[in-house]
Amino acid sequence: MSRRRLPYLTHHGKPYPRQDEHTRIDPADGTVRVYEHSFRRLLDGERAPSVFLVRAPGPRDGSGSLVACTPEECRRWMRAAVAYVTAVDGVTAELSAAHRRAASVPWRREFAARRAFAGWEATRQRYEEAMREAAEAYEPVGHAIREAVRAAEERAAASARERVRQAEEARLRRARLAERTVWGWSVVTEPRGTAVYVFRHDVPPAEAPASALPQDSPGVDLPGPRRALKELALPDVLWDAAALAETERELADVGFGRWWRDQFYEDHRTFT
């Protein structure tokens, strides 16, 4: 027997970490994480059908795919993974051993070489059959998990689109609110000195200073009082509490201070 008749065996990457059939895994909030592992066939180096290993979702575990499943499905997925990995590793070890025996027989020992080669051929055929049978047995579970992964990805994509839509909706709402000509201001005299009182014409004031003269200020958009505050350059600014409260109610998702910073990149009290 010539060693040239023996094929070169490609590296067999075991689908580790292994699925431990004795470990109890319960879905958390109806979900588990599945990890897809693939490996190459020993004879031709082609990719064998992947196996999905099941793990409990950890609080910081961002790898794998988080999929929905029932406890019964979880146990079925685990049993199928154990059976698939066990079958693949068993027949792979058998094929490797037969290959080593055939390759180690001296060429001149013709009878021993023929017997070793016959053993190799029989093992090679069992390897092909066992790999096919293991893949066919696992295929329904693998298909179910792929469908679960696809559904989870579709839900995640839909959630991402919804977040983008909500963010755009909030941006437009804030922009429209900034354009409304409802803001006004008045220079007032306080015990500490002169200050600027900022209010909204469409909101009854909470505690307007006695010296405030709202009628002297026309309704302007949000940049209007900012320009006035910059021009007046007074040290103190008094924001009407009712105006701020109503604005935050209309903003819904951010506070007034954050909104002002997003508009003008400064603090609404210190203007820095």
Foldseek 3Di string as FASTA:
>chain_A
DDLVVPAQWDDWDQQDPAQDLPDQEAEDVQKWFWDWGWTAGGHPRHIAHIAIHTGHDDPPDDDGFIFGDHSVLNSVSSVLRNQLSVLLVVLVVVLVVLSVLLVPDDPVPPVSNVVSVVSNVVSVVVNVVSSVVSCVSSVVSVVVVVVRRVVRVVVVVVVVVVVVVVVVVLVVLLVVQQFDQFKWWFWDADPVGIEIEIAGNVWPFDDDDPRGDRVVTGRGGNVVVVVVCVVVVDLFYHYGPRRQVVVCVSSVPDHPQVSVCVVQVAGPTGRD
